[in-house]
Every structure is written in structure tokens, then in C-alpha cells.
Amino acid sequence: METLIQAAYLIAAALFILGLKQMSSPVTARRGILWAGAGMVLATLATFMSPQILDSDQVSINIMLIIIAIALGGGYAWYSGKKVAMTDMPQMIAMYNGMGGGAAAAIAAVELIKASNEAAHDVTGSSTVADMLGADVAILGILGAIIGTISFSGSIIAWAKLDGRLNRSKLLPMQHAINALLAIVTLGFGVAIYFTNSIDTIIIFYLLALVLGVFITVPVGGADMPVIISLFNALTGLAVGFEGYVLGNAAMIIAGIVVGSAGSLLTQLMAKAMNRSVANVFFAGFGTDAVAVSGNGSEGVMKEIQAQDAGILMSFASQVVIIPGYGMAVAQAQHKIWELTQILTEKGVSVKFAIHPVAGRMPGHMNVLLAEAGVPYDMIYDMEDINADFKNTTVALVIGANDVVNPSAKTDSSSPLFGMPILDAIDSDNVIVIKRGRGTGFSGVENPLFFADNTKMLFGDGQKAASELIQAAKEL
């Protein structure tokens, strides 16, 4: 039976890896999710056969508890997944990352408390958690506990920031110094767990780790949320891998390592796309307070254009590049934008979509929105593939995007965005920006593009503006 269980775990791990590989392309992502889901089902079924469950005196209770947990968790996930709006998908991802970390932390808590009880009742009277678990298991269990707990509470704060429920950049004076001290104290209690058998020490350790996750995430700016989501995803995977080692579960070890490594790579790619280090993301607080920061090129006035004129300009263009941002998701305008694209294509206009790596509130957010609307994958281009095309573009249509097209990232060394690679929309013959108002947007950084000579502003709700563009294009 043990051989069959391990074989099932190995097959499940292979399905996880193959599924993740498939998720690297929008074309095969759905298939990858199904493969990874099949691997999870197989791993779950194999767990029912585990000797730790079947050989227990409470086997029926154990199985019933597992079934109840699966029913509650799976039922809620299915319901929330069906109901969640695409604009709220980043919040859901942040929440699920946190739940994964919390689950890993809970596994560690069970094992540490059990070892502590065994050590306390040992006849020698001097046994420790490390004696009961073994040095390697105890160390990885404690590390998984702190990482998983930080990921849990930190992800809750990330969710609150993404959902607009929390906009603070600090909770206490000298927040970063307090965070550093708290981290040292938390690690100290982690070391104490290793050398003692005190349950009180474990409880204090977990409380400190929960607070630490909150404290280190609060100063992170709202504009940095894509990086934070990726980082917590990596931490959750790492915690799961560590706790898999504690339990001797090969599927957890492999799955955790795969998720941790993929999340780490994605975090680095996101940070690179913003020209910032991960440390800078945690300490700079960029975009938290939404205070306008003007760039050197923002002098002048925004020049407004009416939808009728914008529609005419786009209908007679040789090439139109559409640059979506989170504002498009909020307005739920992706379907209208695709309808506009179809009309322009019928008129002989070449239409492309340009996606910045950190557009939206999480990696791949814009790709998912466009796919939902039916935009073919071959019309969607990454930043490095499309930037050279802007010089041959008649109209760049920016809808709901701000920082990813901000030219001060290249020209203003005092800008918080300086050095960040951007979509070079300003190189187009004409730029039309669909925007609700004249504000600075999510990060609070003024955008000189909006004042450029070749830019016209189409103010209003994104969906309404797109509908007006459709009507104007149809009338020609």
C-alpha cells in the first residue's frame, strides 16, 4: 500500500509540473489547470489510504473530518470562483495564497505541539521538540511555520489593500525599525521552540509571526501589489514544501518546491519590469498614499477629444495599438473594446494589444480579461515585442492604464518610476487616453503623456467611451 501511495504522489507531482508548464501560455493555460487539478485529486485520494489515517484508532472520525473539510473548502471555492468578478480576481488570488500559507502553518502547529507534549511527558524530563522530531524536521517545521504564518497574515493585508479596505502606509512610528525588531524577536522564539518543550512558546511564536506578516505588508505601496502577490505565492510554496518534509509527504514537497521556485522567478520578473528590487518594494511604500508627484514633463493642459472625432481618427488609421490597464477591468469594458477591434479590423485597420508585465493588479490580469472577451492570443503582444511598433502606429488607445505608459520613467530621474521599462505609446503619431478624470491614478504619479502634444483625452467611463467609439466607427 505504501508503494502505491508513493507512486500516486509521484504521478500527482508530475501532473503538477506539467500543468504549470501548460500555464505558461494563454493558449494551453486551461489545459494546464485541468492537469494540475487532476494531480491534486489523485494526491487527495492517495492520502485517504495513508497508514497515519487507516491505522489510527479514530479512522472513521479522521476520514469524516477530511471529507467535511474538502466539502466546505471545495464548495466555497467553487461558489466564490463562479461569482467573483474579473476586477476582483487579484483579491481572490491574494486570499488563496494566504490560505495556502495558513494551511502550512497549521500543519506545523500540529506537529510542533504534538512534539512538545511528547517531550514534556518524556521520562527524562529534559527532552525538547528537536529531540522528538529530529534536528532537520524541527528546523524545517519551524521555518515552514514562520514563512506560512507571515504569508497568511501578509496576504490578508494585500487583499485589503487591493480591495480598497486599507490605504495606510504605516501603523506605528518608525514602522520599518519596529518590523526589524519584531522579526528578530520572532526568530528568537523560533529558536526557543527548538530547544524547549513549551507550548506557551509556540503560541507566542505564532502570534508574533501573525503580527509580523501584517506589519511588513502594511508599508508596501498599492502600486507594488503585483510583486507582493507573486512573493507571497512563492513563500506559500516554500512553506508547503517544508511541511511536506515534516510529514514525509513527497507530493507536498515537490508541489511546494515547484510553486516556490515558480513564484520566486515570477517575483523577480515583476520587480525587473518595475526596475525595482524586492527589498525596495518592501521599504519604499510606492503608491500607498496616492499623493501626486509631478514629473518634469507634466506642464501644460490636457487636450480633450470627443468620441466622434476619436472614432474617425481610428477608423482611418493604418495601425491601432490598444493598451489596457486596470481601469478597463473596473469599467468592464473589455467586451466593448473587442467589439471595437472587430469593427476596425473589418475596415482594414491593423489592431494589436500591448500588455505591460505589471498591467493590472496581478501578473497576467490583462491577458485573462482579454481572453474572456474573446480576443485572439495572436493579437496580444508583450512589451518587448510591441515597443518597436509604436513608431509605425497611427493611434495608440490607452484605456485605464497610467504608470505603464508614463514617459517620466525614461526622462525624469526624480520620478518614483524612473528606470521602469514602459510601453512607448508616446512614440505613436496620436495617443487617445480614455480616463475617468484628470487625477493621477492609482500610484499617484503625474503622467506627462497626458499633456503631450500628440495626446488627446477622452474623459468618461471606459465602457461608455468604448460604446461611443463603436458607434462613431459604425457610422462611417
Foldseek 3Di string as FASTA:
>chain_A
DVVVLQVLLVCLLVLLVVLVVLCVDPVRNVVSVVSNVVSVVSNLVSVLVDCVQVVDPPNVVVVVVSVVVCCVVVVVCVVCVVPDALLLVLLVLLQVLLVLLVVLLVLLLVLLLVLLVCQCPDPVNQGASCNSQPVLLLVLSLLLNLLSLLLNLLSVVLSCLSVVNAQAQADDPPLVVVLVVLVVVLVVLSVVRNRHSDNVSVVVSSVSSNVSSNSQNSNFAQLCQQLVSLQSQLSSLSSQLSSCVSVVNPSSNSSSNVRNVVSVVLSVVSCVLLVHDPVCRRPVSFLRNLAADEFPLQPADFAADELLVVLVQLLPWQEEEEEEASLCSVLVQLLLVVLLVVLSVVSNHHYAYEYRQSGYNHGCSVVVSNVVNPDDPVRYDYQVVCQVCQLVTQEYEYEHDALQQACCLDVGPPFPSPVNHHRPNVNHQAYEYEEADDARPRRNYRGSSSRDPRYHYHHDRNNVSSVSSSVSSVVD
